């Protein structure tokens, strides 16, 4: 998994690619978000367009990221998940827990 961060109008867009499941890489994702919270970012978008798959561990890390973000009174949106990943969220009952959008613009408008 690779992690890239870009800032758009005070929103941290975290672009992920590859498989979200490796312990070391998912730990890096959570650390990245915690560092951005320390830098006083309040709005986060996880771009899942290039994510091939998410393991149960990867899902747990996304939930941990959401918890850290919520505890800091910040907000998280997910964008562009592949159909299989969207179904995974639905099967796990998390499709309503996360704001999931089909585009960056749509997510930015819904903060």
C-alpha atoms as a PDB file:
ATOM      1  CA  UNK A   1       0.000   0.000   0.000  1.00  0.00           C
ATOM      2  CA  UNK A   2       1.181   3.514  -0.794  1.00  0.00           C
ATOM      3  CA  UNK A   3       0.039   6.689   0.946  1.00  0.00           C
ATOM      4  CA  UNK A   4       0.087  10.158  -0.607  1.00  0.00           C
ATOM      5  CA  UNK A   5      -1.323  13.308   1.023  1.00  0.00           C
ATOM      6  CA  UNK A   6      -2.486  16.469  -0.699  1.00  0.00           C
ATOM      7  CA  UNK A   7      -4.158  19.478   0.896  1.00  0.00           C
ATOM      8  CA  UNK A   8      -7.127  21.138  -0.822  1.00  0.00           C
ATOM      9  CA  UNK A   9      -8.688  24.158   0.905  1.00  0.00           C
ATOM     10  CA  UNK A  10      -7.826  22.936   4.416  1.00  0.00           C
ATOM     11  CA  UNK A  11      -8.921  19.363   3.640  1.00  0.00           C
ATOM     12  CA  UNK A  12      -6.368  16.541   3.852  1.00  0.00           C
ATOM     13  CA  UNK A  13      -6.922  14.182   0.938  1.00  0.00           C
ATOM     14  CA  UNK A  14      -5.149  10.907   1.658  1.00  0.00           C
ATOM     15  CA  UNK A  15      -4.695   8.883  -1.505  1.00  0.00           C
ATOM     16  CA  UNK A  16      -4.216   5.169  -0.929  1.00  0.00           C
ATOM     17  CA  UNK A  17      -3.153   2.579  -3.467  1.00  0.00           C
ATOM     18  CA  UNK A  18      -2.525  -1.155  -3.398  1.00  0.00           C
ATOM     19  CA  UNK A  19      -3.814  -3.558  -0.770  1.00  0.00           C
ATOM     20  CA  UNK A  20      -4.992  -2.188   2.544  1.00  0.00           C
ATOM     21  CA  UNK A  21      -4.154  -4.956   4.948  1.00  0.00           C
ATOM     22  CA  UNK A  22      -0.436  -5.095   5.640  1.00  0.00           C
ATOM     23  CA  UNK A  23       0.154  -4.327   9.328  1.00  0.00           C
ATOM     24  CA  UNK A  24       3.086  -1.972   8.769  1.00  0.00           C
ATOM     25  CA  UNK A  25       1.370   0.033   6.046  1.00  0.00           C
ATOM     26  CA  UNK A  26      -1.971   0.307   7.812  1.00  0.00           C
ATOM     27  CA  UNK A  27      -0.103   1.501  10.887  1.00  0.00           C
ATOM     28  CA  UNK A  28       1.480   4.180   8.669  1.00  0.00           C
ATOM     29  CA  UNK A  29      -1.998   5.304   7.599  1.00  0.00           C
ATOM     30  CA  UNK A  30      -3.121   5.765  11.200  1.00  0.00           C
ATOM     31  CA  UNK A  31       0.128   7.595  12.063  1.00  0.00           C
ATOM     32  CA  UNK A  32      -0.331   9.871   9.037  1.00  0.00           C
ATOM     33  CA  UNK A  33      -3.821  10.825  10.183  1.00  0.00           C
ATOM     34  CA  UNK A  34      -2.711  11.407  13.780  1.00  0.00           C
ATOM     35  CA  UNK A  35       0.112  13.663  12.545  1.00  0.00           C
ATOM     36  CA  UNK A  36      -2.338  15.649  10.415  1.00  0.00           C
ATOM     37  CA  UNK A  37      -4.660  16.035  13.406  1.00  0.00           C
ATOM     38  CA  UNK A  38      -1.701  17.390  15.412  1.00  0.00           C
ATOM     39  CA  UNK A  39      -1.174  19.896  12.587  1.00  0.00           C
ATOM     40  CA  UNK A  40      -4.780  20.966  13.185  1.00  0.00           C
ATOM     41  CA  UNK A  41      -6.337  19.501  10.056  1.00  0.00           C
ATOM     42  CA  UNK A  42     -10.048  19.013  10.676  1.00  0.00           C
ATOM     43  CA  UNK A  43     -11.383  17.530   7.461  1.00  0.00           C
ATOM     44  CA  UNK A  44     -10.150  14.304   5.904  1.00  0.00           C
ATOM     45  CA  UNK A  45     -10.873  12.419   2.712  1.00  0.00           C
ATOM     46  CA  UNK A  46      -9.608   8.878   2.137  1.00  0.00           C
ATOM     47  CA  UNK A  47      -9.367   8.319  -1.616  1.00  0.00           C
ATOM     48  CA  UNK A  48      -9.843   4.582  -2.198  1.00  0.00           C
ATOM     49  CA  UNK A  49      -9.883   4.632  -6.006  1.00  0.00           C
ATOM     50  CA  UNK A  50      -6.565   2.775  -6.335  1.00  0.00           C
ATOM     51  CA  UNK A  51      -7.130   0.383  -3.417  1.00  0.00           C
ATOM     52  CA  UNK A  52      -7.305  -3.169  -4.755  1.00  0.00           C
ATOM     53  CA  UNK A  53      -8.612  -4.837  -1.606  1.00  0.00           C
ATOM     54  CA  UNK A  54      -9.157  -4.298   2.112  1.00  0.00           C
ATOM     55  CA  UNK A  55      -8.570  -7.028   4.690  1.00  0.00           C
ATOM     56  CA  UNK A  56     -10.402  -7.183   8.005  1.00  0.00           C
ATOM     57  CA  UNK A  57      -7.260  -5.680   9.583  1.00  0.00           C
ATOM     58  CA  UNK A  58      -7.331  -2.830   7.056  1.00  0.00           C
ATOM     59  CA  UNK A  59     -10.991  -2.228   7.821  1.00  0.00           C
ATOM     60  CA  UNK A  60     -10.133  -2.102  11.522  1.00  0.00           C
ATOM     61  CA  UNK A  61      -7.517   0.553  10.819  1.00  0.00           C
ATOM     62  CA  UNK A  62     -10.004   2.669   8.850  1.00  0.00           C
ATOM     63  CA  UNK A  63     -12.384   2.416  11.822  1.00  0.00           C
ATOM     64  CA  UNK A  64      -9.524   3.378  14.189  1.00  0.00           C
ATOM     65  CA  UNK A  65      -8.752   6.362  11.944  1.00  0.00           C
ATOM     66  CA  UNK A  66     -12.425   7.384  12.033  1.00  0.00           C
ATOM     67  CA  UNK A  67     -12.373   7.107  15.840  1.00  0.00           C
ATOM     68  CA  UNK A  68      -9.228   9.263  16.130  1.00  0.00           C
ATOM     69  CA  UNK A  69     -10.731  11.815  13.759  1.00  0.00           C
ATOM     70  CA  UNK A  70     -14.076  11.896  15.606  1.00  0.00           C
ATOM     71  CA  UNK A  71     -12.345  12.163  19.005  1.00  0.00           C
ATOM     72  CA  UNK A  72     -10.553  15.259  17.712  1.00  0.00           C
ATOM     73  CA  UNK A  73     -13.918  16.743  16.580  1.00  0.00           C
ATOM     74  CA  UNK A  74     -12.867  16.341  12.956  1.00  0.00           C
ATOM     75  CA  UNK A  75     -14.628  14.697  10.009  1.00  0.00           C
ATOM     76  CA  UNK A  76     -13.796  11.909   7.550  1.00  0.00           C
ATOM     77  CA  UNK A  77     -15.195  11.071   4.130  1.00  0.00           C
ATOM     78  CA  UNK A  78     -14.352   8.112   1.889  1.00  0.00           C
ATOM     79  CA  UNK A  79     -14.320   8.488  -1.881  1.00  0.00           C
ATOM     80  CA  UNK A  80     -14.252   6.355  -5.012  1.00  0.00           C
ATOM     81  CA  UNK A  81     -14.224   2.827  -3.597  1.00  0.00           C
ATOM     82  CA  UNK A  82     -14.336   0.000  -6.120  1.00  0.00           C
ATOM     83  CA  UNK A  83     -17.648  -1.877  -6.218  1.00  0.00           C
ATOM     84  CA  UNK A  84     -16.174  -4.857  -4.333  1.00  0.00           C
ATOM     85  CA  UNK A  85     -14.917  -2.596  -1.541  1.00  0.00           C
ATOM     86  CA  UNK A  86     -18.234  -0.784  -1.353  1.00  0.00           C
ATOM     87  CA  UNK A  87     -19.947  -4.181  -1.007  1.00  0.00           C
ATOM     88  CA  UNK A  88     -17.458  -5.103   1.755  1.00  0.00           C
ATOM     89  CA  UNK A  89     -18.501  -1.987   3.715  1.00  0.00           C
ATOM     90  CA  UNK A  90     -22.158  -2.880   3.120  1.00  0.00           C
ATOM     91  CA  UNK A  91     -21.744  -6.509   4.241  1.00  0.00           C
ATOM     92  CA  UNK A  92     -19.960  -5.313   7.400  1.00  0.00           C
ATOM     93  CA  UNK A  93     -22.805  -2.855   8.073  1.00  0.00           C
ATOM     94  CA  UNK A  94     -20.472   0.139   7.800  1.00  0.00           C
ATOM     95  CA  UNK A  95     -21.896   1.777   4.680  1.00  0.00           C
ATOM     96  CA  UNK A  96     -23.884   4.162   6.903  1.00  0.00           C
ATOM     97  CA  UNK A  97     -21.037   4.666   9.392  1.00  0.00           C
ATOM     98  CA  UNK A  98     -18.833   6.375   6.813  1.00  0.00           C
ATOM     99  CA  UNK A  99     -19.775   9.100   4.382  1.00  0.00           C
ATOM    100  CA  UNK A 100     -18.964   7.387   1.070  1.00  0.00           C
ATOM    101  CA  UNK A 101     -18.924   9.514  -2.083  1.00  0.00           C
ATOM    102  CA  UNK A 102     -18.172   8.885  -5.741  1.00  0.00           C
ATOM    103  CA  UNK A 103     -16.041  11.996  -6.287  1.00  0.00           C
ATOM    104  CA  UNK A 104     -13.734  14.361  -4.465  1.00  0.00           C
ATOM    105  CA  UNK A 105     -15.958  17.329  -5.327  1.00  0.00           C
ATOM    106  CA  UNK A 106     -19.025  15.602  -3.891  1.00  0.00           C
ATOM    107  CA  UNK A 107     -17.171  14.826  -0.644  1.00  0.00           C
ATOM    108  CA  UNK A 108     -15.822  18.381  -0.371  1.00  0.00           C
ATOM    109  CA  UNK A 109     -19.362  19.766  -0.718  1.00  0.00           C
ATOM    110  CA  UNK A 110     -20.632  17.488   2.060  1.00  0.00           C
ATOM    111  CA  UNK A 111     -18.389  18.590   4.921  1.00  0.00           C
END
